[in-house]
Amino acid sequence: MLVLKSFLSLFFLFFSSSYALYGYAVVRCQFTSTRDLVYLEQFYFNKVLLGQYNSTLGKYVGYSKKAKEIADDLNKSLRILAQAKKNEEKCRNNIEPLLNLTNPVEPSVRVRQVEIRDSNQNTFSCSGYGFYPKQINLTWLRDGRKVTDGVTYSDVLSSGNWLYQIHSYLEFTNIPGEKIACQVEHASLKEPKNYYWEPMGEAKWNKIAVGTSGLLVGLVVFLAGLIMTLCRSSTNGRVLVSTVSTD
């Protein structure tokens, strides 16, 4: 009886006033991996969110006086809460088949130290490139412990061809010997993956960049010399033809 009363209250709340009013419900299964999943049941009236069930809270929540009363009634029903749990498990169990259809692309991740002008702290960046789908989660770790202070994120940006990129920054005072890692959760990964900042690896990257720049400079000089040689040969040929025709 309690459950029936709650659903009838929702029905009349959504549809009783006028045919011009519009009430609807949306069920969402949001995830970046099987580990990071949120199941939502959301109730709207004229595009305004009145209440929802959120699996991270494990209960219904209302955002208006009447919706709060309805949410309290729903939370008293063990059957309704158990059904919401079952729906969450269905969502989790269908992630793998869904990913097989979407062909997720694993992000290419680089962790490095960056220099910020007028800053006395160390700043690290974690960049993920070329991944699909769009949903991704980056978490900073210091010696295996999650860090939230001094962390900022960019929006998930489109790289074209249905691929995306994201950047996160960590600013803090680094202790020598401390291990800094960026943990990535994405649909293409069966479990979270840690990417560590390695000073030697960064130095190697810089050497590669310098070597590549030197190679490009050498190629430009070679091409310039080749063009000048061809121009001189072409000029000498014209002088020779001119001399012969004069005789």
C-alpha atoms as a PDB file:
ATOM      1  CA  MET A   1       0.000   0.000   0.000  1.00  0.00           C
ATOM      2  CA  LEU A   2       2.855   2.369   0.824  1.00  0.00           C
ATOM      3  CA  VAL A   3       4.531   1.703  -2.538  1.00  0.00           C
ATOM      4  CA  LEU A   4       1.244   2.135  -4.456  1.00  0.00           C
ATOM      5  CA  LYS A   5       0.636   5.432  -2.688  1.00  0.00           C
ATOM      6  CA  SER A   6       4.107   6.697  -3.640  1.00  0.00           C
ATOM      7  CA  PHE A   7       3.697   5.834  -7.316  1.00  0.00           C
ATOM      8  CA  LEU A   8       0.216   7.381  -7.414  1.00  0.00           C
ATOM      9  CA  SER A   9       1.660  10.540  -5.876  1.00  0.00           C
ATOM     10  CA  LEU A  10       4.297  10.638  -8.608  1.00  0.00           C
ATOM     11  CA  PHE A  11       1.623  10.114 -11.280  1.00  0.00           C
ATOM     12  CA  PHE A  12      -0.591  12.940 -10.097  1.00  0.00           C
ATOM     13  CA  LEU A  13       2.393  15.185  -9.490  1.00  0.00           C
ATOM     14  CA  PHE A  14       3.474  14.776 -13.111  1.00  0.00           C
ATOM     15  CA  PHE A  15       0.183  14.750 -15.008  1.00  0.00           C
ATOM     16  CA  SER A  16      -2.702  16.150 -12.976  1.00  0.00           C
ATOM     17  CA  SER A  17      -2.495  19.904 -13.679  1.00  0.00           C
ATOM     18  CA  SER A  18      -2.637  20.331 -17.446  1.00  0.00           C
ATOM     19  CA  TYR A  19      -2.015  18.485 -20.681  1.00  0.00           C
ATOM     20  CA  ALA A  20       0.704  21.090 -21.404  1.00  0.00           C
ATOM     21  CA  LEU A  21       2.835  19.830 -18.510  1.00  0.00           C
ATOM     22  CA  TYR A  22       5.368  17.120 -19.137  1.00  0.00           C
ATOM     23  CA  GLY A  23       6.696  14.593 -16.660  1.00  0.00           C
ATOM     24  CA  TYR A  24       9.085  11.760 -17.427  1.00  0.00           C
ATOM     25  CA  ALA A  25      11.642   9.398 -15.931  1.00  0.00           C
ATOM     26  CA  VAL A  26      15.134   8.494 -17.195  1.00  0.00           C
ATOM     27  CA  VAL A  27      17.220   5.457 -16.260  1.00  0.00           C
ATOM     28  CA  ARG A  28      20.978   5.934 -16.711  1.00  0.00           C
ATOM     29  CA  CYS A  29      23.911   3.541 -16.578  1.00  0.00           C
ATOM     30  CA  GLN A  30      27.068   5.675 -16.452  1.00  0.00           C
ATOM     31  CA  PHE A  31      30.515   4.103 -16.377  1.00  0.00           C
ATOM     32  CA  THR A  32      34.156   4.478 -17.308  1.00  0.00           C
ATOM     33  CA  SER A  33      34.891   0.867 -16.334  1.00  0.00           C
ATOM     34  CA  THR A  34      33.179  -2.037 -14.546  1.00  0.00           C
ATOM     35  CA  ARG A  35      34.703  -0.663 -11.340  1.00  0.00           C
ATOM     36  CA  ASP A  36      33.582   2.945 -11.791  1.00  0.00           C
ATOM     37  CA  LEU A  37      29.821   2.677 -12.394  1.00  0.00           C
ATOM     38  CA  VAL A  38      26.807   4.753 -11.351  1.00  0.00           C
ATOM     39  CA  TYR A  39      23.209   3.589 -11.787  1.00  0.00           C
ATOM     40  CA  LEU A  40      20.611   6.392 -11.779  1.00  0.00           C
ATOM     41  CA  GLU A  41      16.812   6.583 -11.862  1.00  0.00           C
ATOM     42  CA  GLN A  42      15.874  10.239 -12.405  1.00  0.00           C
ATOM     43  CA  PHE A  43      12.409  11.847 -12.314  1.00  0.00           C
ATOM     44  CA  TYR A  44      11.773  15.118 -14.167  1.00  0.00           C
ATOM     45  CA  PHE A  45       8.863  17.531 -14.408  1.00  0.00           C
ATOM     46  CA  ASN A  46       9.038  20.162 -17.168  1.00  0.00           C
ATOM     47  CA  LYS A  47      12.796  19.457 -17.480  1.00  0.00           C
ATOM     48  CA  VAL A  48      13.351  20.052 -13.733  1.00  0.00           C
ATOM     49  CA  LEU A  49      14.942  17.188 -11.784  1.00  0.00           C
ATOM     50  CA  LEU A  50      12.631  16.454  -8.849  1.00  0.00           C
ATOM     51  CA  GLY A  51      14.283  13.344  -7.452  1.00  0.00           C
ATOM     52  CA  GLN A  52      16.485  10.371  -8.199  1.00  0.00           C
ATOM     53  CA  TYR A  53      17.915   7.063  -7.066  1.00  0.00           C
ATOM     54  CA  ASN A  54      21.716   7.112  -7.045  1.00  0.00           C
ATOM     55  CA  SER A  55      23.610   3.833  -6.591  1.00  0.00           C
ATOM     56  CA  THR A  56      26.502   5.636  -4.888  1.00  0.00           C
ATOM     57  CA  LEU A  57      24.059   6.658  -2.123  1.00  0.00           C
ATOM     58  CA  GLY A  58      21.910   3.527  -2.308  1.00  0.00           C
ATOM     59  CA  LYS A  59      18.660   5.440  -1.792  1.00  0.00           C
ATOM     60  CA  TYR A  60      16.133   7.822  -3.337  1.00  0.00           C
ATOM     61  CA  VAL A  61      16.576  11.571  -2.885  1.00  0.00           C
ATOM     62  CA  GLY A  62      13.987  14.321  -3.467  1.00  0.00           C
ATOM     63  CA  TYR A  63      14.725  17.944  -4.384  1.00  0.00           C
ATOM     64  CA  SER A  64      11.370  19.509  -3.526  1.00  0.00           C
ATOM     65  CA  LYS A  65       9.118  19.226  -0.461  1.00  0.00           C
ATOM     66  CA  LYS A  66       6.684  16.809  -2.112  1.00  0.00           C
ATOM     67  CA  ALA A  67       9.469  14.846  -3.854  1.00  0.00           C
ATOM     68  CA  LYS A  68      11.274  14.412  -0.512  1.00  0.00           C
ATOM     69  CA  GLU A  69       8.129  12.892   0.995  1.00  0.00           C
ATOM     70  CA  ILE A  70       7.847  10.472  -1.942  1.00  0.00           C
ATOM     71  CA  ALA A  71      11.556   9.584  -1.690  1.00  0.00           C
ATOM     72  CA  ASP A  72      11.145   8.825   2.022  1.00  0.00           C
ATOM     73  CA  ASP A  73       8.249   6.462   1.216  1.00  0.00           C
ATOM     74  CA  LEU A  74      10.292   4.690  -1.484  1.00  0.00           C
ATOM     75  CA  ASN A  75      13.264   4.267   0.859  1.00  0.00           C
ATOM     76  CA  LYS A  76      10.990   2.473   3.337  1.00  0.00           C
ATOM     77  CA  SER A  77      10.262  -0.243   0.790  1.00  0.00           C
ATOM     78  CA  LEU A  78      12.908  -2.969   0.921  1.00  0.00           C
ATOM     79  CA  ARG A  79      11.473  -4.484  -2.262  1.00  0.00           C
ATOM     80  CA  ILE A  80      11.936  -1.310  -4.288  1.00  0.00           C
ATOM     81  CA  LEU A  81      15.477  -0.778  -2.986  1.00  0.00           C
ATOM     82  CA  ALA A  82      16.320  -4.424  -3.744  1.00  0.00           C
ATOM     83  CA  GLN A  83      15.004  -3.996  -7.300  1.00  0.00           C
ATOM     84  CA  ALA A  84      17.195  -0.921  -7.770  1.00  0.00           C
ATOM     85  CA  LYS A  85      20.195  -3.026  -6.661  1.00  0.00           C
ATOM     86  CA  LYS A  86      19.266  -5.717  -9.207  1.00  0.00           C
ATOM     87  CA  ASN A  87      19.058  -3.084 -11.934  1.00  0.00           C
ATOM     88  CA  GLU A  88      22.515  -1.862 -10.979  1.00  0.00           C
ATOM     89  CA  GLU A  89      23.902  -5.401 -11.337  1.00  0.00           C
ATOM     90  CA  LYS A  90      22.209  -5.780 -14.738  1.00  0.00           C
ATOM     91  CA  CYS A  91      23.901  -2.560 -15.778  1.00  0.00           C
ATOM     92  CA  ARG A  92      27.285  -3.863 -14.591  1.00  0.00           C
ATOM     93  CA  ASN A  93      26.857  -7.275 -16.257  1.00  0.00           C
ATOM     94  CA  ASN A  94      26.040  -5.705 -19.639  1.00  0.00           C
ATOM     95  CA  ILE A  95      29.093  -3.449 -19.785  1.00  0.00           C
ATOM     96  CA  GLU A  96      31.364  -6.053 -21.415  1.00  0.00           C
ATOM     97  CA  PRO A  97      28.920  -6.960 -24.254  1.00  0.00           C
ATOM     98  CA  LEU A  98      28.350  -3.257 -24.871  1.00  0.00           C
ATOM     99  CA  LEU A  99      32.074  -2.527 -25.053  1.00  0.00           C
ATOM    100  CA  ASN A 100      32.495  -5.320 -27.602  1.00  0.00           C
ATOM    101  CA  LEU A 101      30.128  -3.382 -29.867  1.00  0.00           C
ATOM    102  CA  THR A 102      31.751   0.032 -29.405  1.00  0.00           C
ATOM    103  CA  ASN A 103      35.420  -1.028 -29.887  1.00  0.00           C
ATOM    104  CA  PRO A 104      36.988   1.170 -27.172  1.00  0.00           C
ATOM    105  CA  VAL A 105      40.413   2.689 -27.850  1.00  0.00           C
ATOM    106  CA  GLU A 106      42.976   2.747 -25.038  1.00  0.00           C
ATOM    107  CA  PRO A 107      44.383   6.195 -24.196  1.00  0.00           C
ATOM    108  CA  SER A 108      48.023   7.035 -24.762  1.00  0.00           C
ATOM    109  CA  VAL A 109      49.127   8.549 -21.438  1.00  0.00           C
ATOM    110  CA  ARG A 110      52.114  10.747 -20.620  1.00  0.00           C
ATOM    111  CA  VAL A 111      53.053  12.005 -17.122  1.00  0.00           C
ATOM    112  CA  ARG A 112      55.602  14.808 -16.945  1.00  0.00           C
ATOM    113  CA  GLN A 113      56.762  17.743 -14.854  1.00  0.00           C
ATOM    114  CA  VAL A 114      55.972  21.227 -16.151  1.00  0.00           C
ATOM    115  CA  GLU A 115      57.319  24.630 -15.175  1.00  0.00           C
ATOM    116  CA  ILE A 116      54.875  27.287 -13.949  1.00  0.00           C
ATOM    117  CA  ARG A 117      56.178  30.855 -13.768  1.00  0.00           C
ATOM    118  CA  ASP A 118      56.055  32.504 -10.309  1.00  0.00           C
ATOM    119  CA  SER A 119      55.306  29.211  -8.555  1.00  0.00           C
ATOM    120  CA  ASN A 120      57.418  27.718  -5.773  1.00  0.00           C
ATOM    121  CA  GLN A 121      55.732  24.328  -6.018  1.00  0.00           C
ATOM    122  CA  ASN A 122      56.222  21.459  -8.440  1.00  0.00           C
ATOM    123  CA  THR A 123      53.563  20.958 -11.105  1.00  0.00           C
ATOM    124  CA  PHE A 124      52.943  17.664 -12.859  1.00  0.00           C
ATOM    125  CA  SER A 125      50.690  17.016 -15.829  1.00  0.00           C
ATOM    126  CA  CYS A 126      48.914  13.821 -16.845  1.00  0.00           C
ATOM    127  CA  SER A 127      47.691  13.814 -20.445  1.00  0.00           C
ATOM    128  CA  GLY A 128      45.557  11.155 -22.110  1.00  0.00           C
ATOM    129  CA  TYR A 129      45.374  11.149 -25.913  1.00  0.00           C
ATOM    130  CA  GLY A 130      43.441   9.314 -28.604  1.00  0.00           C
ATOM    131  CA  PHE A 131      40.899   7.413 -26.499  1.00  0.00           C
ATOM    132  CA  TYR A 132      37.292   6.324 -27.076  1.00  0.00           C
ATOM    133  CA  PRO A 133      34.647   6.456 -25.632  1.00  0.00           C
ATOM    134  CA  LYS A 134      34.676   9.904 -24.087  1.00  0.00           C
ATOM    135  CA  GLN A 135      34.176   8.872 -20.447  1.00  0.00           C
ATOM    136  CA  ILE A 136      37.455   8.660 -18.532  1.00  0.00           C
ATOM    137  CA  ASN A 137      38.663   9.127 -14.963  1.00  0.00           C
ATOM    138  CA  LEU A 138      42.128  10.382 -13.900  1.00  0.00           C
ATOM    139  CA  THR A 139      43.312  10.112 -10.286  1.00  0.00           C
ATOM    140  CA  TRP A 140      46.612  11.368  -8.862  1.00  0.00           C
ATOM    141  CA  LEU A 141      48.552   9.147  -6.430  1.00  0.00           C
ATOM    142  CA  ARG A 142      51.461  10.023  -4.113  1.00  0.00           C
ATOM    143  CA  ASP A 143      53.153   6.865  -2.837  1.00  0.00           C
ATOM    144  CA  GLY A 144      49.914   5.015  -3.601  1.00  0.00           C
ATOM    145  CA  ARG A 145      47.644   7.468  -1.747  1.00  0.00           C
ATOM    146  CA  LYS A 146      44.921   9.388  -3.580  1.00  0.00           C
ATOM    147  CA  VAL A 147      45.489  13.142  -3.886  1.00  0.00           C
ATOM    148  CA  THR A 148      42.689  15.725  -4.294  1.00  0.00           C
ATOM    149  CA  ASP A 149      44.311  18.984  -3.109  1.00  0.00           C
ATOM    150  CA  GLY A 150      46.025  21.018  -5.801  1.00  0.00           C
ATOM    151  CA  VAL A 151      44.431  18.985  -8.628  1.00  0.00           C
ATOM    152  CA  THR A 152      42.781  20.543 -11.692  1.00  0.00           C
ATOM    153  CA  TYR A 153      41.292  19.037 -14.841  1.00  0.00           C
ATOM    154  CA  SER A 154      40.619  20.200 -18.368  1.00  0.00           C
ATOM    155  CA  ASP A 155      37.416  19.346 -20.185  1.00  0.00           C
ATOM    156  CA  VAL A 156      37.440  16.202 -22.298  1.00  0.00           C
ATOM    157  CA  LEU A 157      38.415  17.614 -25.700  1.00  0.00           C
ATOM    158  CA  SER A 158      37.711  16.219 -29.147  1.00  0.00           C
ATOM    159  CA  SER A 159      40.792  15.229 -31.175  1.00  0.00           C
ATOM    160  CA  GLY A 160      38.755  14.363 -34.276  1.00  0.00           C
ATOM    161  CA  ASN A 161      37.942  10.939 -35.744  1.00  0.00           C
ATOM    162  CA  TRP A 162      35.782  10.145 -32.672  1.00  0.00           C
ATOM    163  CA  LEU A 163      38.854  10.269 -30.407  1.00  0.00           C
ATOM    164  CA  TYR A 164      39.352  12.436 -27.318  1.00  0.00           C
ATOM    165  CA  GLN A 165      42.024  13.907 -25.054  1.00  0.00           C
ATOM    166  CA  ILE A 166      42.156  15.159 -21.466  1.00  0.00           C
ATOM    167  CA  HIS A 167      44.720  16.879 -19.239  1.00  0.00           C
ATOM    168  CA  SER A 168      45.074  16.978 -15.454  1.00  0.00           C
ATOM    169  CA  TYR A 169      47.529  18.940 -13.299  1.00  0.00           C
ATOM    170  CA  LEU A 170      48.885  18.343  -9.796  1.00  0.00           C
ATOM    171  CA  GLU A 171      50.640  21.167  -7.918  1.00  0.00           C
ATOM    172  CA  PHE A 172      52.455  20.430  -4.643  1.00  0.00           C
ATOM    173  CA  THR A 173      55.856  20.405  -2.962  1.00  0.00           C
ATOM    174  CA  ASN A 174      57.594  17.225  -4.073  1.00  0.00           C
ATOM    175  CA  ILE A 175      59.634  15.134  -1.614  1.00  0.00           C
ATOM    176  CA  PRO A 176      62.751  13.457  -3.096  1.00  0.00           C
ATOM    177  CA  GLY A 177      62.132   9.752  -3.656  1.00  0.00           C
ATOM    178  CA  GLU A 178      58.348  10.149  -3.604  1.00  0.00           C
ATOM    179  CA  LYS A 179      56.484   8.151  -6.286  1.00  0.00           C
ATOM    180  CA  ILE A 180      54.025  10.190  -8.329  1.00  0.00           C
ATOM    181  CA  ALA A 181      51.479   8.337 -10.447  1.00  0.00           C
ATOM    182  CA  CYS A 182      48.426   9.101 -12.547  1.00  0.00           C
ATOM    183  CA  GLN A 183      45.789   6.360 -12.326  1.00  0.00           C
ATOM    184  CA  VAL A 184      43.580   5.992 -15.397  1.00  0.00           C
ATOM    185  CA  GLU A 185      40.165   4.331 -15.518  1.00  0.00           C
ATOM    186  CA  HIS A 186      38.640   3.825 -18.953  1.00  0.00           C
ATOM    187  CA  ALA A 187      36.327   1.411 -20.757  1.00  0.00           C
ATOM    188  CA  SER A 188      39.292   0.087 -22.767  1.00  0.00           C
ATOM    189  CA  LEU A 189      41.040  -1.048 -19.564  1.00  0.00           C
ATOM    190  CA  LYS A 190      39.887  -4.089 -17.601  1.00  0.00           C
ATOM    191  CA  GLU A 191      41.245  -2.508 -14.415  1.00  0.00           C
ATOM    192  CA  PRO A 192      42.718   0.878 -13.389  1.00  0.00           C
ATOM    193  CA  LYS A 193      46.203   1.447 -14.792  1.00  0.00           C
ATOM    194  CA  ASN A 194      48.944   3.484 -13.090  1.00  0.00           C
ATOM    195  CA  TYR A 195      51.370   5.656 -15.062  1.00  0.00           C
ATOM    196  CA  TYR A 196      54.393   6.820 -13.040  1.00  0.00           C
ATOM    197  CA  TRP A 197      56.417   9.972 -13.431  1.00  0.00           C
ATOM    198  CA  GLU A 198      60.027   8.989 -14.138  1.00  0.00           C
ATOM    199  CA  PRO A 199      62.660  11.784 -14.215  1.00  0.00           C
ATOM    200  CA  MET A 200      65.021   9.597 -16.288  1.00  0.00           C
ATOM    201  CA  GLY A 201      62.236   8.831 -18.727  1.00  0.00           C
ATOM    202  CA  GLU A 202      61.551  12.529 -19.085  1.00  0.00           C
ATOM    203  CA  ALA A 203      65.231  13.204 -19.765  1.00  0.00           C
ATOM    204  CA  LYS A 204      65.181  10.468 -22.409  1.00  0.00           C
ATOM    205  CA  TRP A 205      62.120  12.094 -23.975  1.00  0.00           C
ATOM    206  CA  ASN A 206      63.946  15.442 -24.100  1.00  0.00           C
ATOM    207  CA  LYS A 207      66.981  13.808 -25.753  1.00  0.00           C
ATOM    208  CA  ILE A 208      64.729  12.284 -28.393  1.00  0.00           C
ATOM    209  CA  ALA A 209      63.134  15.686 -28.982  1.00  0.00           C
ATOM    210  CA  VAL A 210      66.554  17.364 -29.322  1.00  0.00           C
ATOM    211  CA  GLY A 211      67.797  14.610 -31.646  1.00  0.00           C
ATOM    212  CA  THR A 212      64.704  14.920 -33.810  1.00  0.00           C
ATOM    213  CA  SER A 213      65.124  18.701 -33.993  1.00  0.00           C
ATOM    214  CA  GLY A 214      68.764  18.272 -35.035  1.00  0.00           C
ATOM    215  CA  LEU A 215      67.757  15.808 -37.731  1.00  0.00           C
ATOM    216  CA  LEU A 216      65.177  18.241 -39.105  1.00  0.00           C
ATOM    217  CA  VAL A 217      67.699  21.109 -39.131  1.00  0.00           C
ATOM    218  CA  GLY A 218      70.220  18.920 -40.977  1.00  0.00           C
ATOM    219  CA  LEU A 219      67.570  17.927 -43.521  1.00  0.00           C
ATOM    220  CA  VAL A 220      66.662  21.579 -44.141  1.00  0.00           C
ATOM    221  CA  VAL A 221      70.337  22.506 -44.660  1.00  0.00           C
ATOM    222  CA  PHE A 222      70.796  19.564 -47.060  1.00  0.00           C
ATOM    223  CA  LEU A 223      67.752  20.538 -49.113  1.00  0.00           C
ATOM    224  CA  ALA A 224      68.848  24.172 -49.222  1.00  0.00           C
ATOM    225  CA  GLY A 225      72.297  23.159 -50.492  1.00  0.00           C
ATOM    226  CA  LEU A 226      70.767  20.834 -53.090  1.00  0.00           C
ATOM    227  CA  ILE A 227      68.469  23.575 -54.386  1.00  0.00           C
ATOM    228  CA  MET A 228      71.361  26.050 -54.661  1.00  0.00           C
ATOM    229  CA  THR A 229      73.441  23.465 -56.552  1.00  0.00           C
ATOM    230  CA  LEU A 230      70.623  22.815 -59.007  1.00  0.00           C
ATOM    231  CA  CYS A 231      70.091  26.556 -59.520  1.00  0.00           C
ATOM    232  CA  ARG A 232      73.802  27.080 -60.288  1.00  0.00           C
ATOM    233  CA  SER A 233      73.840  24.163 -62.724  1.00  0.00           C
ATOM    234  CA  SER A 234      70.779  25.564 -64.471  1.00  0.00           C
ATOM    235  CA  THR A 235      72.387  29.037 -64.721  1.00  0.00           C
ATOM    236  CA  ASN A 236      75.654  27.653 -66.156  1.00  0.00           C
ATOM    237  CA  GLY A 237      73.697  25.741 -68.773  1.00  0.00           C
ATOM    238  CA  ARG A 238      71.957  28.881 -69.984  1.00  0.00           C
ATOM    239  CA  VAL A 239      75.266  30.775 -70.314  1.00  0.00           C
ATOM    240  CA  LEU A 240      76.780  27.934 -72.329  1.00  0.00           C
ATOM    241  CA  VAL A 241      73.843  27.853 -74.747  1.00  0.00           C
ATOM    242  CA  SER A 242      73.984  31.624 -75.136  1.00  0.00           C
ATOM    243  CA  THR A 243      77.726  31.514 -76.008  1.00  0.00           C
ATOM    244  CA  VAL A 244      77.242  28.795 -78.627  1.00  0.00           C
ATOM    245  CA  SER A 245      74.418  30.599 -80.344  1.00  0.00           C
ATOM    246  CA  THR A 246      76.533  33.816 -80.582  1.00  0.00           C
ATOM    247  CA  ASP A 247      79.277  31.999 -82.482  1.00  0.00           C
END
